[in-house]
Amino acid sequence: MSNVFIPREFYERITATFGTDGSRWLETLPNLVDEYLRRWKLKVSANFDELSFNFVLPVERENGAAAVLKLGLHSQGRLREV
């Protein structure tokens, strides 16, 4: 288990912006993170203290390379970002 830390400010921003959809996404976030860590064989290397609208986590790939896992709530704004 990753023991994902969700900063209070991030939680409040997501729920204020996305309402019920944001709350539901935040409830699933620890399991999503765990799934991607397992699937892609990533190890958490730290936590970012300040997050905006995406959950980002510094990770290390299986080969030792540094990477970032970025997860966000599916929304119209997110689709423009991609």
C-alpha atoms as a PDB file:
ATOM      1  CA  MET A   1       0.000   0.000   0.000  1.00  0.00           C
ATOM      2  CA  SER A   2       1.313   3.451  -0.893  1.00  0.00           C
ATOM      3  CA  ASN A   3      -0.031   5.355   2.127  1.00  0.00           C
ATOM      4  CA  VAL A   4      -0.911   8.276  -0.127  1.00  0.00           C
ATOM      5  CA  PHE A   5      -0.942  11.623   1.645  1.00  0.00           C
ATOM      6  CA  ILE A   6      -3.579  13.997   0.299  1.00  0.00           C
ATOM      7  CA  PRO A   7      -2.870  17.563   1.465  1.00  0.00           C
ATOM      8  CA  ARG A   8      -5.877  19.267   3.067  1.00  0.00           C
ATOM      9  CA  GLU A   9      -5.644  22.255   0.705  1.00  0.00           C
ATOM     10  CA  PHE A  10      -5.736  19.937  -2.316  1.00  0.00           C
ATOM     11  CA  TYR A  11      -8.736  18.064  -0.914  1.00  0.00           C
ATOM     12  CA  GLU A  12     -10.588  21.322  -0.287  1.00  0.00           C
ATOM     13  CA  ARG A  13      -9.754  22.719  -3.748  1.00  0.00           C
ATOM     14  CA  ILE A  14     -10.962  19.577  -5.523  1.00  0.00           C
ATOM     15  CA  THR A  15     -14.218  19.351  -3.557  1.00  0.00           C
ATOM     16  CA  ALA A  16     -14.906  23.092  -3.943  1.00  0.00           C
ATOM     17  CA  THR A  17     -14.289  22.947  -7.694  1.00  0.00           C
ATOM     18  CA  PHE A  18     -15.809  19.595  -8.634  1.00  0.00           C
ATOM     19  CA  GLY A  19     -18.311  18.975  -5.826  1.00  0.00           C
ATOM     20  CA  THR A  20     -19.567  15.424  -5.482  1.00  0.00           C
ATOM     21  CA  ASP A  21     -17.525  14.230  -8.468  1.00  0.00           C
ATOM     22  CA  GLY A  22     -14.396  15.572  -6.798  1.00  0.00           C
ATOM     23  CA  SER A  23     -15.236  13.909  -3.484  1.00  0.00           C
ATOM     24  CA  ARG A  24     -15.795  10.558  -5.186  1.00  0.00           C
ATOM     25  CA  TRP A  25     -12.533  10.853  -7.108  1.00  0.00           C
ATOM     26  CA  LEU A  26     -10.611  11.689  -3.927  1.00  0.00           C
ATOM     27  CA  GLU A  27     -12.079   8.601  -2.240  1.00  0.00           C
ATOM     28  CA  THR A  28     -10.722   6.421  -5.049  1.00  0.00           C
ATOM     29  CA  LEU A  29      -7.379   8.219  -5.328  1.00  0.00           C
ATOM     30  CA  PRO A  30      -5.360   6.037  -2.905  1.00  0.00           C
ATOM     31  CA  ASN A  31      -6.485   2.895  -4.739  1.00  0.00           C
ATOM     32  CA  LEU A  32      -5.722   4.470  -8.134  1.00  0.00           C
ATOM     33  CA  VAL A  33      -2.236   5.400  -6.992  1.00  0.00           C
ATOM     34  CA  ASP A  34      -1.649   1.897  -5.633  1.00  0.00           C
ATOM     35  CA  GLU A  35      -2.846   0.367  -8.910  1.00  0.00           C
ATOM     36  CA  TYR A  36      -0.482   2.446 -11.053  1.00  0.00           C
ATOM     37  CA  LEU A  37       2.448   1.934  -8.696  1.00  0.00           C
ATOM     38  CA  ARG A  38       1.917  -1.814  -8.940  1.00  0.00           C
ATOM     39  CA  ARG A  39       1.170  -1.902 -12.665  1.00  0.00           C
ATOM     40  CA  TRP A  40       4.175   0.171 -13.659  1.00  0.00           C
ATOM     41  CA  LYS A  41       6.476  -1.078 -10.862  1.00  0.00           C
ATOM     42  CA  LEU A  42       7.008   2.396  -9.407  1.00  0.00           C
ATOM     43  CA  LYS A  43       8.294   3.364  -5.975  1.00  0.00           C
ATOM     44  CA  VAL A  44       7.256   6.605  -4.296  1.00  0.00           C
ATOM     45  CA  SER A  45      10.339   8.739  -3.733  1.00  0.00           C
ATOM     46  CA  ALA A  46       8.733  11.759  -2.010  1.00  0.00           C
ATOM     47  CA  ASN A  47       5.556  13.821  -1.793  1.00  0.00           C
ATOM     48  CA  PHE A  48       4.822  17.232  -3.238  1.00  0.00           C
ATOM     49  CA  ASP A  49       3.394  19.556  -0.604  1.00  0.00           C
ATOM     50  CA  GLU A  50       1.625  21.926  -2.976  1.00  0.00           C
ATOM     51  CA  LEU A  51      -0.767  20.559  -5.571  1.00  0.00           C
ATOM     52  CA  SER A  52      -3.194  22.431  -7.825  1.00  0.00           C
ATOM     53  CA  PHE A  53      -5.799  20.339  -9.663  1.00  0.00           C
ATOM     54  CA  ASN A  54      -3.763  17.201 -10.378  1.00  0.00           C
ATOM     55  CA  PHE A  55      -2.333  14.727  -7.923  1.00  0.00           C
ATOM     56  CA  VAL A  56       1.360  14.386  -8.725  1.00  0.00           C
ATOM     57  CA  LEU A  57       3.799  12.124  -6.983  1.00  0.00           C
ATOM     58  CA  PRO A  58       7.576  11.837  -7.526  1.00  0.00           C
ATOM     59  CA  VAL A  59       8.370   8.188  -8.222  1.00  0.00           C
ATOM     60  CA  GLU A  60      11.229   5.977  -9.249  1.00  0.00           C
ATOM     61  CA  ARG A  61      10.889   3.562 -12.151  1.00  0.00           C
ATOM     62  CA  GLU A  62      12.065  -0.037 -11.938  1.00  0.00           C
ATOM     63  CA  ASN A  63      15.310   0.916 -13.711  1.00  0.00           C
ATOM     64  CA  GLY A  64      15.996   3.679 -11.153  1.00  0.00           C
ATOM     65  CA  ALA A  65      14.967   6.555 -13.409  1.00  0.00           C
ATOM     66  CA  ALA A  66      13.088   9.424 -11.779  1.00  0.00           C
ATOM     67  CA  ALA A  67       9.549  10.059 -12.986  1.00  0.00           C
ATOM     68  CA  VAL A  68       6.302  11.677 -11.909  1.00  0.00           C
ATOM     69  CA  LEU A  69       2.930   9.968 -11.576  1.00  0.00           C
ATOM     70  CA  LYS A  70       0.204  12.477 -12.452  1.00  0.00           C
ATOM     71  CA  LEU A  71      -3.481  11.761 -11.896  1.00  0.00           C
ATOM     72  CA  GLY A  72      -6.391  14.114 -12.376  1.00  0.00           C
ATOM     73  CA  LEU A  73     -10.148  14.157 -12.307  1.00  0.00           C
ATOM     74  CA  HIS A  74     -11.655  13.687 -15.769  1.00  0.00           C
ATOM     75  CA  SER A  75     -13.141  17.019 -16.792  1.00  0.00           C
ATOM     76  CA  GLN A  76     -13.387  19.314 -19.820  1.00  0.00           C
ATOM     77  CA  GLY A  77     -10.421  21.359 -18.589  1.00  0.00           C
ATOM     78  CA  ARG A  78      -8.386  18.194 -18.213  1.00  0.00           C
ATOM     79  CA  LEU A  79      -9.177  17.183 -21.785  1.00  0.00           C
ATOM     80  CA  ARG A  80      -7.816  20.529 -23.040  1.00  0.00           C
ATOM     81  CA  GLU A  81      -4.655  19.981 -20.984  1.00  0.00           C
ATOM     82  CA  VAL A  82      -3.916  16.659 -22.659  1.00  0.00           C
END
